[in-house]
Amino acid sequence: MASVSTYLNFPGNTEEAFNFYKTVFQSEFAGEIMRFRSVPPTPDQPPMAEADKDLVMHIMLPILGGAHFLMGTDAVESMGFKVVFGNNNYICLSPDTKLETKRLFDELSAGGKVEMELQDMFWGAYYGSCTDKFGVQWMFNCDEKV
């Protein structure tokens, strides 16, 4: 089922922040905390720093009775990310189909900036991100199984 969620970037304290949100919203994490150590190495990326491997790659917390998901990651500086006020949140769309994902991505990125082209990812989703012409940041994560 299609959904929308809020995605937050933190400078290395995602787990601490989400443990706080967990108590505030009286909720439990949906699934396990995914760590950067699960990212497979690629030839075009330098090896990951040992200190970064236990940082949070992805975490998800249902809030408001599961009507909305708060998700987050540690924006790892050694991988080229730097959190500054204004780039620390995304609207994350999870359309039902790759076709709808592509349509939304193309229309929202028109006149804006593509951060990551849509592509099949190692976690099994069709994923990409962009900033629209108004400066709003969008993530797309489609789990359509073809």
N, C-alpha and C. Protein backbone atom coordinates (compact mmCIF):
# COMPACT_ATOMS: atom_id res chain seq x y z
N MET A 1 0.84 -1.18 0.00
CA MET A 1 0.00 0.00 0.00
C MET A 1 0.89 1.24 0.00
N ALA A 2 0.55 2.21 -0.82
CA ALA A 2 1.31 3.46 -0.89
C ALA A 2 1.27 4.18 0.45
N SER A 3 2.36 4.88 0.76
CA SER A 3 2.41 5.62 2.02
C SER A 3 3.37 6.79 1.89
N VAL A 4 3.34 7.66 2.88
CA VAL A 4 4.26 8.78 2.96
C VAL A 4 4.79 8.82 4.39
N SER A 5 6.05 9.21 4.53
CA SER A 5 6.66 9.27 5.85
C SER A 5 7.65 10.42 5.91
N THR A 6 8.15 10.69 7.09
CA THR A 6 9.15 11.74 7.28
C THR A 6 10.50 11.08 7.53
N TYR A 7 11.53 11.53 6.80
CA TYR A 7 12.86 10.95 6.91
C TYR A 7 13.81 12.01 7.44
N LEU A 8 14.51 11.69 8.53
CA LEU A 8 15.39 12.65 9.20
C LEU A 8 16.85 12.20 9.12
N ASN A 9 17.75 13.14 8.87
CA ASN A 9 19.19 12.89 8.86
C ASN A 9 19.79 13.48 10.13
N PHE A 10 20.70 12.72 10.74
CA PHE A 10 21.36 13.17 11.96
C PHE A 10 22.88 13.06 11.79
N PRO A 11 23.63 13.87 12.52
CA PRO A 11 25.09 13.85 12.40
C PRO A 11 25.76 12.82 13.31
N GLY A 12 25.21 11.61 13.37
CA GLY A 12 25.83 10.55 14.17
C GLY A 12 25.08 10.17 15.42
N ASN A 13 23.94 10.80 15.68
CA ASN A 13 23.19 10.49 16.90
C ASN A 13 21.76 10.03 16.61
N THR A 14 21.57 9.37 15.48
CA THR A 14 20.24 8.88 15.10
C THR A 14 19.66 7.93 16.13
N GLU A 15 20.47 6.99 16.58
CA GLU A 15 19.97 6.00 17.54
C GLU A 15 19.51 6.67 18.83
N GLU A 16 20.28 7.63 19.31
CA GLU A 16 19.89 8.37 20.52
C GLU A 16 18.58 9.11 20.30
N ALA A 17 18.46 9.80 19.15
CA ALA A 17 17.24 10.55 18.85
C ALA A 17 16.04 9.62 18.76
N PHE A 18 16.20 8.48 18.08
CA PHE A 18 15.06 7.58 17.91
C PHE A 18 14.69 6.85 19.19
N ASN A 19 15.63 6.61 20.06
CA ASN A 19 15.28 6.05 21.37
C ASN A 19 14.45 7.07 22.16
N PHE A 20 14.76 8.35 22.01
CA PHE A 20 13.95 9.41 22.62
C PHE A 20 12.55 9.42 22.01
N TYR A 21 12.45 9.41 20.66
CA TYR A 21 11.14 9.43 19.99
C TYR A 21 10.33 8.19 20.35
N LYS A 22 11.01 7.07 20.53
CA LYS A 22 10.33 5.82 20.90
C LYS A 22 9.59 5.99 22.23
N THR A 23 10.21 6.67 23.18
CA THR A 23 9.54 6.88 24.47
C THR A 23 8.43 7.92 24.35
N VAL A 24 8.68 8.98 23.59
CA VAL A 24 7.67 10.03 23.43
C VAL A 24 6.40 9.48 22.79
N PHE A 25 6.57 8.72 21.69
CA PHE A 25 5.42 8.21 20.94
C PHE A 25 4.93 6.85 21.45
N GLN A 26 5.62 6.32 22.49
CA GLN A 26 5.24 5.03 23.08
C GLN A 26 5.04 3.97 22.00
N SER A 27 6.09 3.80 21.21
CA SER A 27 6.06 2.90 20.07
C SER A 27 7.32 2.04 20.06
N GLU A 28 7.35 1.06 19.18
CA GLU A 28 8.51 0.18 19.01
C GLU A 28 9.00 0.29 17.57
N PHE A 29 10.29 0.10 17.37
CA PHE A 29 10.85 0.16 16.03
C PHE A 29 10.21 -0.89 15.13
N ALA A 30 9.98 -0.53 13.88
CA ALA A 30 9.46 -1.47 12.88
C ALA A 30 10.67 -2.16 12.25
N GLY A 31 10.88 -3.41 12.59
CA GLY A 31 12.05 -4.14 12.09
C GLY A 31 13.30 -3.80 12.87
N GLU A 32 14.40 -4.28 12.38
CA GLU A 32 15.69 -4.07 13.04
C GLU A 32 16.30 -2.74 12.62
N ILE A 33 17.23 -2.27 13.43
CA ILE A 33 18.02 -1.09 13.06
C ILE A 33 19.05 -1.57 12.04
N MET A 34 19.04 -0.98 10.84
CA MET A 34 20.01 -1.36 9.80
C MET A 34 21.26 -0.51 10.00
N ARG A 35 22.40 -1.15 10.04
CA ARG A 35 23.69 -0.47 10.26
C ARG A 35 24.45 -0.34 8.95
N PHE A 36 25.37 0.62 8.89
CA PHE A 36 26.17 0.81 7.68
C PHE A 36 27.06 -0.39 7.37
N ARG A 37 27.34 -1.23 8.35
CA ARG A 37 28.17 -2.40 8.07
C ARG A 37 27.49 -3.36 7.10
N SER A 38 26.17 -3.21 6.90
CA SER A 38 25.47 -4.09 5.96
C SER A 38 25.57 -3.61 4.51
N VAL A 39 26.17 -2.43 4.28
CA VAL A 39 26.33 -1.92 2.92
C VAL A 39 27.46 -2.70 2.24
N PRO A 40 27.16 -3.33 1.12
CA PRO A 40 28.22 -4.07 0.43
C PRO A 40 29.26 -3.10 -0.16
N PRO A 41 30.55 -3.46 -0.10
CA PRO A 41 31.58 -2.59 -0.66
C PRO A 41 31.44 -2.49 -2.19
N THR A 42 31.79 -1.33 -2.72
CA THR A 42 31.77 -1.14 -4.16
C THR A 42 33.12 -0.57 -4.60
N PRO A 43 33.54 -0.89 -5.82
CA PRO A 43 34.86 -0.44 -6.27
C PRO A 43 35.00 1.07 -6.39
N ASP A 44 33.89 1.80 -6.59
CA ASP A 44 33.98 3.25 -6.76
C ASP A 44 33.89 4.01 -5.43
N GLN A 45 33.81 3.30 -4.32
CA GLN A 45 33.76 3.93 -2.99
C GLN A 45 34.97 3.49 -2.18
N PRO A 46 35.58 4.41 -1.43
CA PRO A 46 36.67 3.99 -0.53
C PRO A 46 36.10 3.10 0.58
N PRO A 47 36.96 2.29 1.20
CA PRO A 47 36.47 1.45 2.31
C PRO A 47 35.87 2.32 3.41
N MET A 48 34.83 1.78 4.04
CA MET A 48 34.16 2.52 5.11
C MET A 48 35.03 2.54 6.36
N ALA A 49 35.08 3.68 7.01
CA ALA A 49 35.82 3.81 8.26
C ALA A 49 35.20 2.89 9.31
N GLU A 50 36.04 2.24 10.07
CA GLU A 50 35.56 1.31 11.10
C GLU A 50 34.60 2.00 12.06
N ALA A 51 34.88 3.25 12.39
CA ALA A 51 34.03 4.01 13.33
C ALA A 51 32.63 4.25 12.77
N ASP A 52 32.47 4.21 11.46
CA ASP A 52 31.17 4.48 10.84
C ASP A 52 30.30 3.23 10.69
N LYS A 53 30.87 2.06 10.79
CA LYS A 53 30.14 0.82 10.49
C LYS A 53 28.97 0.56 11.42
N ASP A 54 29.02 1.03 12.66
CA ASP A 54 27.92 0.79 13.59
C ASP A 54 26.90 1.93 13.62
N LEU A 55 27.13 2.96 12.81
CA LEU A 55 26.15 4.03 12.73
C LEU A 55 24.89 3.52 12.03
N VAL A 56 23.80 4.24 12.21
CA VAL A 56 22.49 3.82 11.69
C VAL A 56 22.35 4.19 10.21
N MET A 57 22.13 3.17 9.38
CA MET A 57 21.84 3.41 7.97
C MET A 57 20.34 3.67 7.78
N HIS A 58 19.52 2.94 8.55
CA HIS A 58 18.07 3.11 8.44
C HIS A 58 17.39 2.62 9.71
N ILE A 59 16.43 3.43 10.17
CA ILE A 59 15.61 3.07 11.32
C ILE A 59 14.20 3.58 11.04
N MET A 60 13.21 2.85 11.55
CA MET A 60 11.83 3.22 11.26
C MET A 60 10.99 3.05 12.52
N LEU A 61 10.22 4.10 12.84
CA LEU A 61 9.37 4.11 14.02
C LEU A 61 7.96 4.52 13.63
N PRO A 62 6.98 3.60 13.81
CA PRO A 62 5.59 4.01 13.56
C PRO A 62 5.13 4.95 14.67
N ILE A 63 4.47 6.04 14.27
CA ILE A 63 3.96 6.98 15.26
C ILE A 63 2.47 7.21 15.01
N LEU A 64 1.81 7.79 15.98
CA LEU A 64 0.38 8.09 15.89
C LEU A 64 -0.43 6.85 15.53
N GLY A 65 -0.15 5.76 16.23
CA GLY A 65 -0.88 4.53 16.02
C GLY A 65 -0.53 3.84 14.71
N GLY A 66 0.61 4.16 14.13
CA GLY A 66 1.03 3.53 12.89
C GLY A 66 0.55 4.26 11.65
N ALA A 67 -0.11 5.43 11.84
CA ALA A 67 -0.61 6.18 10.70
C ALA A 67 0.50 6.89 9.94
N HIS A 68 1.66 7.03 10.57
CA HIS A 68 2.78 7.73 9.96
C HIS A 68 4.07 7.07 10.44
N PHE A 69 5.10 7.09 9.60
CA PHE A 69 6.39 6.55 10.00
C PHE A 69 7.41 7.66 10.07
N LEU A 70 8.18 7.66 11.15
CA LEU A 70 9.33 8.51 11.31
C LEU A 70 10.52 7.62 10.99
N MET A 71 11.34 8.02 10.02
CA MET A 71 12.50 7.22 9.63
C MET A 71 13.74 8.08 9.72
N GLY A 72 14.91 7.44 9.82
CA GLY A 72 16.12 8.23 9.94
C GLY A 72 17.39 7.49 9.60
N THR A 73 18.47 8.28 9.50
CA THR A 73 19.80 7.77 9.19
C THR A 73 20.85 8.70 9.78
N ASP A 74 22.05 8.16 9.96
CA ASP A 74 23.20 8.99 10.28
C ASP A 74 23.81 9.44 8.97
N ALA A 75 23.94 10.74 8.75
CA ALA A 75 24.54 11.30 7.54
C ALA A 75 26.06 11.27 7.75
N VAL A 76 26.69 10.25 7.21
CA VAL A 76 28.11 9.98 7.47
C VAL A 76 29.00 10.91 6.64
N GLU A 77 29.78 11.74 7.33
CA GLU A 77 30.64 12.70 6.64
C GLU A 77 31.69 12.02 5.78
N SER A 78 32.20 10.86 6.21
CA SER A 78 33.22 10.16 5.41
C SER A 78 32.65 9.65 4.09
N MET A 79 31.32 9.64 3.97
CA MET A 79 30.67 9.22 2.72
C MET A 79 30.16 10.44 1.95
N GLY A 80 30.59 11.64 2.36
CA GLY A 80 30.25 12.84 1.61
C GLY A 80 29.03 13.59 2.09
N PHE A 81 28.46 13.21 3.22
CA PHE A 81 27.27 13.89 3.73
C PHE A 81 27.66 14.82 4.87
N LYS A 82 26.98 15.93 4.96
CA LYS A 82 27.17 16.84 6.09
C LYS A 82 25.81 17.41 6.44
N VAL A 83 25.39 17.18 7.65
CA VAL A 83 24.09 17.68 8.10
C VAL A 83 24.22 19.15 8.46
N VAL A 84 23.37 19.96 7.85
CA VAL A 84 23.22 21.36 8.22
C VAL A 84 21.73 21.63 8.29
N PHE A 85 21.34 22.60 9.07
CA PHE A 85 19.92 22.92 9.19
C PHE A 85 19.35 23.17 7.79
N GLY A 86 18.29 22.46 7.47
CA GLY A 86 17.67 22.61 6.16
C GLY A 86 17.85 21.40 5.27
N ASN A 87 18.90 20.59 5.48
CA ASN A 87 19.07 19.39 4.64
C ASN A 87 18.87 18.12 5.47
N ASN A 88 18.29 18.27 6.64
CA ASN A 88 18.19 17.12 7.53
C ASN A 88 16.84 16.43 7.50
N ASN A 89 16.00 16.73 6.51
CA ASN A 89 14.73 16.02 6.43
C ASN A 89 14.27 15.87 4.99
N TYR A 90 13.54 14.81 4.75
CA TYR A 90 12.98 14.47 3.45
C TYR A 90 11.53 14.06 3.63
N ILE A 91 10.76 14.22 2.58
CA ILE A 91 9.46 13.56 2.51
C ILE A 91 9.72 12.28 1.72
N CYS A 92 9.41 11.16 2.33
CA CYS A 92 9.69 9.86 1.72
C CYS A 92 8.40 9.28 1.17
N LEU A 93 8.35 9.10 -0.14
CA LEU A 93 7.19 8.53 -0.80
C LEU A 93 7.46 7.06 -1.10
N SER A 94 6.48 6.22 -0.83
CA SER A 94 6.57 4.79 -1.13
C SER A 94 5.39 4.40 -2.02
N PRO A 95 5.47 4.73 -3.31
CA PRO A 95 4.37 4.38 -4.22
C PRO A 95 4.24 2.87 -4.37
N ASP A 96 3.09 2.46 -4.91
CA ASP A 96 2.83 1.03 -5.09
C ASP A 96 3.58 0.41 -6.25
N THR A 97 3.90 1.20 -7.29
CA THR A 97 4.53 0.63 -8.48
C THR A 97 5.76 1.42 -8.91
N LYS A 98 6.66 0.74 -9.63
CA LYS A 98 7.84 1.41 -10.18
C LYS A 98 7.41 2.49 -11.18
N LEU A 99 6.37 2.22 -11.94
CA LEU A 99 5.89 3.17 -12.93
C LEU A 99 5.45 4.48 -12.26
N GLU A 100 4.68 4.37 -11.19
CA GLU A 100 4.24 5.56 -10.46
C GLU A 100 5.42 6.25 -9.78
N THR A 101 6.36 5.46 -9.27
CA THR A 101 7.56 6.01 -8.64
C THR A 101 8.33 6.86 -9.65
N LYS A 102 8.52 6.31 -10.85
CA LYS A 102 9.25 7.02 -11.91
C LYS A 102 8.53 8.30 -12.31
N ARG A 103 7.21 8.25 -12.46
CA ARG A 103 6.44 9.43 -12.82
C ARG A 103 6.61 10.54 -11.78
N LEU A 104 6.43 10.18 -10.52
CA LEU A 104 6.55 11.17 -9.44
C LEU A 104 7.97 11.73 -9.37
N PHE A 105 8.98 10.85 -9.48
CA PHE A 105 10.38 11.27 -9.43
C PHE A 105 10.68 12.26 -10.57
N ASP A 106 10.28 11.90 -11.78
CA ASP A 106 10.56 12.76 -12.93
C ASP A 106 9.88 14.12 -12.79
N GLU A 107 8.65 14.14 -12.34
CA GLU A 107 7.93 15.40 -12.22
C GLU A 107 8.45 16.26 -11.07
N LEU A 108 8.76 15.63 -9.93
CA LEU A 108 9.26 16.42 -8.80
C LEU A 108 10.69 16.90 -9.01
N SER A 109 11.50 16.17 -9.76
CA SER A 109 12.89 16.58 -9.98
C SER A 109 13.04 17.57 -11.13
N ALA A 110 11.99 17.73 -11.97
CA ALA A 110 12.06 18.67 -13.09
C ALA A 110 12.32 20.09 -12.57
N GLY A 111 13.40 20.68 -13.05
CA GLY A 111 13.76 22.02 -12.61
C GLY A 111 14.48 22.05 -11.28
N GLY A 112 14.68 20.88 -10.68
CA GLY A 112 15.38 20.77 -9.41
C GLY A 112 16.70 20.05 -9.58
N LYS A 113 17.06 19.22 -8.62
CA LYS A 113 18.35 18.53 -8.65
C LYS A 113 18.16 17.06 -8.26
N VAL A 114 18.66 16.17 -9.08
CA VAL A 114 18.63 14.74 -8.77
C VAL A 114 19.84 14.43 -7.90
N GLU A 115 19.60 13.89 -6.71
CA GLU A 115 20.70 13.46 -5.84
C GLU A 115 21.14 12.06 -6.21
N MET A 116 20.16 11.15 -6.33
CA MET A 116 20.44 9.77 -6.70
C MET A 116 19.37 9.32 -7.68
N GLU A 117 19.80 8.91 -8.86
CA GLU A 117 18.86 8.40 -9.86
C GLU A 117 18.12 7.19 -9.30
N LEU A 118 16.90 6.98 -9.76
CA LEU A 118 16.15 5.79 -9.38
C LEU A 118 16.91 4.56 -9.83
N GLN A 119 17.02 3.58 -8.94
CA GLN A 119 17.72 2.34 -9.26
C GLN A 119 17.33 1.24 -8.28
N ASP A 120 17.52 0.00 -8.71
CA ASP A 120 17.27 -1.13 -7.82
C ASP A 120 18.41 -1.17 -6.81
N MET A 121 18.04 -1.29 -5.52
CA MET A 121 19.04 -1.25 -4.45
C MET A 121 19.20 -2.62 -3.80
N PHE A 122 20.30 -2.77 -3.06
CA PHE A 122 20.63 -4.05 -2.44
C PHE A 122 19.61 -4.48 -1.39
N TRP A 123 18.83 -3.56 -0.85
CA TRP A 123 17.82 -3.94 0.15
C TRP A 123 16.51 -4.37 -0.51
N GLY A 124 16.49 -4.37 -1.85
CA GLY A 124 15.33 -4.90 -2.55
C GLY A 124 14.33 -3.87 -3.05
N ALA A 125 14.63 -2.61 -2.90
CA ALA A 125 13.68 -1.56 -3.32
C ALA A 125 14.21 -0.81 -4.54
N TYR A 126 13.31 -0.12 -5.20
CA TYR A 126 13.61 0.81 -6.28
C TYR A 126 13.69 2.17 -5.61
N TYR A 127 14.88 2.79 -5.59
CA TYR A 127 15.13 3.94 -4.73
C TYR A 127 15.78 5.08 -5.50
N GLY A 128 15.49 6.31 -5.10
CA GLY A 128 16.16 7.50 -5.62
C GLY A 128 15.80 8.69 -4.76
N SER A 129 16.51 9.81 -4.97
CA SER A 129 16.21 11.01 -4.21
C SER A 129 16.49 12.25 -5.05
N CYS A 130 15.76 13.32 -4.73
CA CYS A 130 15.93 14.57 -5.46
C CYS A 130 15.49 15.74 -4.58
N THR A 131 15.84 16.93 -5.05
CA THR A 131 15.36 18.17 -4.45
C THR A 131 14.56 18.88 -5.53
N ASP A 132 13.34 19.28 -5.21
CA ASP A 132 12.51 19.93 -6.23
C ASP A 132 12.94 21.39 -6.42
N LYS A 133 12.33 22.06 -7.37
CA LYS A 133 12.73 23.44 -7.71
C LYS A 133 12.43 24.44 -6.60
N PHE A 134 11.70 23.99 -5.55
CA PHE A 134 11.42 24.86 -4.42
C PHE A 134 12.31 24.56 -3.22
N GLY A 135 13.24 23.59 -3.38
CA GLY A 135 14.16 23.24 -2.30
C GLY A 135 13.67 22.14 -1.38
N VAL A 136 12.51 21.53 -1.68
CA VAL A 136 11.98 20.44 -0.86
C VAL A 136 12.68 19.14 -1.27
N GLN A 137 13.13 18.38 -0.28
CA GLN A 137 13.86 17.13 -0.54
C GLN A 137 12.90 15.94 -0.50
N TRP A 138 13.03 15.07 -1.50
CA TRP A 138 12.16 13.91 -1.65
C TRP A 138 12.98 12.63 -1.77
N MET A 139 12.49 11.57 -1.14
CA MET A 139 13.04 10.22 -1.29
C MET A 139 11.94 9.35 -1.85
N PHE A 140 12.32 8.37 -2.63
CA PHE A 140 11.37 7.42 -3.23
C PHE A 140 11.85 6.02 -2.90
N ASN A 141 10.98 5.18 -2.41
CA ASN A 141 11.35 3.82 -2.04
C ASN A 141 10.18 2.90 -2.40
N CYS A 142 10.28 2.25 -3.54
CA CYS A 142 9.20 1.38 -4.02
C CYS A 142 9.58 -0.07 -3.84
N ASP A 143 8.74 -0.82 -3.17
CA ASP A 143 8.99 -2.25 -2.92
C ASP A 143 8.23 -3.17 -3.87
N GLU A 144 7.79 -2.63 -5.01
CA GLU A 144 7.04 -3.46 -5.96
C GLU A 144 7.89 -4.66 -6.37
N LYS A 145 7.30 -5.83 -6.24
CA LYS A 145 7.97 -7.07 -6.65
C LYS A 145 7.41 -7.46 -8.02
N VAL A 146 8.28 -7.46 -9.00
CA VAL A 146 7.83 -7.75 -10.36
C VAL A 146 8.00 -9.22 -10.67
